[in-house]
Structure formats: C-alpha cells, structure tokens
Amino acid sequence: MQNYQLGSIQKQIEGIKKELQKIGEMRPGSLSRQFVSQNNKKYPYYQISYTYNMKSHTDYIKKEFVVDLKQQTNSYRRFKKLVKRWVALAMQHSKLKFDYANKKR
C-alpha cells in the first residue's frame, strides 16, 4: 500500500512538472484600472502593483500592453498554485517514505 501511495504521489509531481514547463512569460502583481481627473473629465490609466524582494512596486502600463500583462499575471498565479501543490505533495511523499522505513525496522 505504501509503495502505491508513493508512486501515486510521484505521478502527480511529474504531472505538475509538465504543467510548469508549459508556462510562458509571467509576472507577479495585480493589474488595475485607475482614473485621473482633469478639467472635470476622468481619464483611465492602468497600473500593476506587486511586491518583489519585500519591496512594494507600482508600474504604469500603456493600454496596448494590458492584454499581454493580464496573461502574464495569470501565468504567475498558475505557477504559484502549481508550486504550492508540488511542495505539499513532496512533504507527503517524504513523510510516507520515512514512515515506511521506520515500520520496516
């Protein structure tokens, strides 16, 4: 039973690795549309806010780059989700492996 569980976890990890290879450009952050008022008119602009190396950053984005940037931030969120799942599976795999080795003694 232990070997089956270890093999199952390993297959899931291999699947995650394959998914990670498919991820293209990525960028952390949240994209938002803001407005600036001038002469009683509101003009939209876009910005991305993110934290990198424990520092907060904000970059202003031209409208023509918004679609590409949305894809990059979605890719980053997907990356983080996959890595989180990989770590959880790796911890489970390690625990099962050591539990199995202790039972053999």
C-alpha atoms as a PDB file:
ATOM      1  CA  MET A   1       0.000   0.000   0.000  1.00  0.00           C
ATOM      2  CA  GLN A   2       2.822   2.392   0.869  1.00  0.00           C
ATOM      3  CA  ASN A   3       4.549   1.826  -2.483  1.00  0.00           C
ATOM      4  CA  TYR A   4       1.258   2.507  -4.303  1.00  0.00           C
ATOM      5  CA  GLN A   5       0.801   5.776  -2.419  1.00  0.00           C
ATOM      6  CA  LEU A   6       4.393   6.830  -3.067  1.00  0.00           C
ATOM      7  CA  GLY A   7       4.011   6.025  -6.767  1.00  0.00           C
ATOM      8  CA  SER A   8       0.740   7.930  -6.978  1.00  0.00           C
ATOM      9  CA  ILE A   9       2.280  10.999  -5.369  1.00  0.00           C
ATOM     10  CA  GLN A  10       5.286  10.774  -7.689  1.00  0.00           C
ATOM     11  CA  LYS A  11       2.984  10.648 -10.743  1.00  0.00           C
ATOM     12  CA  GLN A  12       1.173  13.749  -9.530  1.00  0.00           C
ATOM     13  CA  ILE A  13       4.503  15.551  -9.071  1.00  0.00           C
ATOM     14  CA  GLU A  14       5.562  14.570 -12.590  1.00  0.00           C
ATOM     15  CA  GLY A  15       2.273  15.982 -13.900  1.00  0.00           C
ATOM     16  CA  ILE A  16       2.947  19.262 -12.107  1.00  0.00           C
ATOM     17  CA  LYS A  17       6.438  19.431 -13.629  1.00  0.00           C
ATOM     18  CA  LYS A  18       4.940  19.014 -17.101  1.00  0.00           C
ATOM     19  CA  GLU A  19       2.424  21.780 -16.428  1.00  0.00           C
ATOM     20  CA  LEU A  20       5.209  24.073 -15.210  1.00  0.00           C
ATOM     21  CA  GLN A  21       7.089  23.560 -18.471  1.00  0.00           C
ATOM     22  CA  LYS A  22       4.084  24.916 -20.380  1.00  0.00           C
ATOM     23  CA  ILE A  23       4.068  28.232 -18.521  1.00  0.00           C
ATOM     24  CA  GLY A  24       5.415  31.059 -20.636  1.00  0.00           C
ATOM     25  CA  GLU A  25       6.044  34.648 -19.644  1.00  0.00           C
ATOM     26  CA  MET A  26       4.906  35.534 -16.176  1.00  0.00           C
ATOM     27  CA  ARG A  27       4.901  38.492 -13.854  1.00  0.00           C
ATOM     28  CA  PRO A  28       3.666  38.924 -10.294  1.00  0.00           C
ATOM     29  CA  GLY A  29       1.161  41.579  -9.432  1.00  0.00           C
ATOM     30  CA  SER A  30      -2.349  42.880  -9.663  1.00  0.00           C
ATOM     31  CA  LEU A  31      -3.458  44.890 -12.633  1.00  0.00           C
ATOM     32  CA  SER A  32      -5.969  47.646 -12.024  1.00  0.00           C
ATOM     33  CA  ARG A  33      -7.657  50.417 -13.941  1.00  0.00           C
ATOM     34  CA  GLN A  34      -7.446  53.827 -12.305  1.00  0.00           C
ATOM     35  CA  PHE A  35      -8.772  57.231 -13.209  1.00  0.00           C
ATOM     36  CA  VAL A  36      -7.263  60.679 -13.146  1.00  0.00           C
ATOM     37  CA  SER A  37      -9.461  63.770 -13.202  1.00  0.00           C
ATOM     38  CA  GLN A  38      -8.597  66.750 -15.362  1.00  0.00           C
ATOM     39  CA  ASN A  39     -10.933  69.595 -16.208  1.00  0.00           C
ATOM     40  CA  ASN A  40     -13.935  67.723 -14.784  1.00  0.00           C
ATOM     41  CA  LYS A  41     -13.227  64.714 -17.015  1.00  0.00           C
ATOM     42  CA  LYS A  42     -11.994  61.309 -15.926  1.00  0.00           C
ATOM     43  CA  TYR A  43      -9.250  59.636 -17.944  1.00  0.00           C
ATOM     44  CA  PRO A  44      -8.423  55.959 -17.406  1.00  0.00           C
ATOM     45  CA  TYR A  45      -4.958  54.520 -16.988  1.00  0.00           C
ATOM     46  CA  TYR A  46      -3.635  51.117 -15.894  1.00  0.00           C
ATOM     47  CA  GLN A  47      -1.168  50.155 -13.261  1.00  0.00           C
ATOM     48  CA  ILE A  48       0.336  46.974 -11.888  1.00  0.00           C
ATOM     49  CA  SER A  49       1.202  46.675  -8.216  1.00  0.00           C
ATOM     50  CA  TYR A  50       3.436  43.945  -6.881  1.00  0.00           C
ATOM     51  CA  THR A  51       5.914  43.067  -4.165  1.00  0.00           C
ATOM     52  CA  TYR A  52       9.394  41.891  -5.084  1.00  0.00           C
ATOM     53  CA  ASN A  53      12.262  41.324  -2.647  1.00  0.00           C
ATOM     54  CA  MET A  54       9.995  42.529   0.140  1.00  0.00           C
ATOM     55  CA  LYS A  55       9.523  45.905  -1.561  1.00  0.00           C
ATOM     56  CA  SER A  56       6.289  47.230  -2.989  1.00  0.00           C
ATOM     57  CA  HIS A  57       6.325  48.472  -6.589  1.00  0.00           C
ATOM     58  CA  THR A  58       3.860  50.111  -8.926  1.00  0.00           C
ATOM     59  CA  ASP A  59       4.343  50.411 -12.677  1.00  0.00           C
ATOM     60  CA  TYR A  60       2.144  52.301 -15.097  1.00  0.00           C
ATOM     61  CA  ILE A  61       1.021  50.320 -18.133  1.00  0.00           C
ATOM     62  CA  LYS A  62       0.054  51.517 -21.591  1.00  0.00           C
ATOM     63  CA  LYS A  63      -3.344  50.344 -22.785  1.00  0.00           C
ATOM     64  CA  GLU A  64      -1.874  48.265 -25.625  1.00  0.00           C
ATOM     65  CA  PHE A  65       0.038  46.079 -23.146  1.00  0.00           C
ATOM     66  CA  VAL A  66      -2.884  45.303 -20.822  1.00  0.00           C
ATOM     67  CA  VAL A  67      -3.972  42.047 -22.518  1.00  0.00           C
ATOM     68  CA  ASP A  68      -0.412  40.676 -22.523  1.00  0.00           C
ATOM     69  CA  LEU A  69       0.111  41.711 -18.913  1.00  0.00           C
ATOM     70  CA  LYS A  70      -3.116  40.013 -17.822  1.00  0.00           C
ATOM     71  CA  GLN A  71      -1.845  36.790 -19.374  1.00  0.00           C
ATOM     72  CA  GLN A  72       1.493  37.164 -17.590  1.00  0.00           C
ATOM     73  CA  THR A  73      -0.116  37.749 -14.183  1.00  0.00           C
ATOM     74  CA  ASN A  74      -2.453  34.773 -14.746  1.00  0.00           C
ATOM     75  CA  SER A  75       0.562  32.624 -15.630  1.00  0.00           C
ATOM     76  CA  TYR A  76       2.290  33.719 -12.434  1.00  0.00           C
ATOM     77  CA  ARG A  77      -0.754  32.803 -10.330  1.00  0.00           C
ATOM     78  CA  ARG A  78      -0.865  29.400 -12.054  1.00  0.00           C
ATOM     79  CA  PHE A  79       2.858  28.945 -11.358  1.00  0.00           C
ATOM     80  CA  LYS A  80       2.432  29.745  -7.664  1.00  0.00           C
ATOM     81  CA  LYS A  81      -0.527  27.347  -7.372  1.00  0.00           C
ATOM     82  CA  LEU A  82       1.402  24.510  -9.022  1.00  0.00           C
ATOM     83  CA  VAL A  83       4.487  25.053  -6.865  1.00  0.00           C
ATOM     84  CA  LYS A  84       2.358  25.127  -3.716  1.00  0.00           C
ATOM     85  CA  ARG A  85       0.770  21.818  -4.728  1.00  0.00           C
ATOM     86  CA  TRP A  86       4.190  20.337  -5.541  1.00  0.00           C
ATOM     87  CA  VAL A  87       5.554  21.269  -2.104  1.00  0.00           C
ATOM     88  CA  ALA A  88       2.521  19.748  -0.370  1.00  0.00           C
ATOM     89  CA  LEU A  89       2.937  16.508  -2.323  1.00  0.00           C
ATOM     90  CA  ALA A  90       6.694  16.452  -1.683  1.00  0.00           C
ATOM     91  CA  MET A  91       6.131  16.762   2.066  1.00  0.00           C
ATOM     92  CA  GLN A  92       3.522  13.998   1.962  1.00  0.00           C
ATOM     93  CA  HIS A  93       5.875  11.794  -0.074  1.00  0.00           C
ATOM     94  CA  SER A  94       8.740  12.373   2.356  1.00  0.00           C
ATOM     95  CA  LYS A  95       6.601  11.608   5.405  1.00  0.00           C
ATOM     96  CA  LEU A  96       5.259   8.379   3.869  1.00  0.00           C
ATOM     97  CA  LYS A  97       8.756   7.296   2.845  1.00  0.00           C
ATOM     98  CA  PHE A  98      10.155   7.789   6.351  1.00  0.00           C
ATOM     99  CA  ASP A  99       7.111   6.197   7.999  1.00  0.00           C
ATOM    100  CA  TYR A 100       7.503   3.183   5.705  1.00  0.00           C
ATOM    101  CA  ALA A 101      11.245   2.913   6.516  1.00  0.00           C
ATOM    102  CA  ASN A 102      10.538   3.081  10.275  1.00  0.00           C
ATOM    103  CA  LYS A 103       7.929   0.306  10.029  1.00  0.00           C
ATOM    104  CA  LYS A 104      10.436  -1.976   8.270  1.00  0.00           C
ATOM    105  CA  ARG A 105      12.815  -1.822  11.241  1.00  0.00           C
END
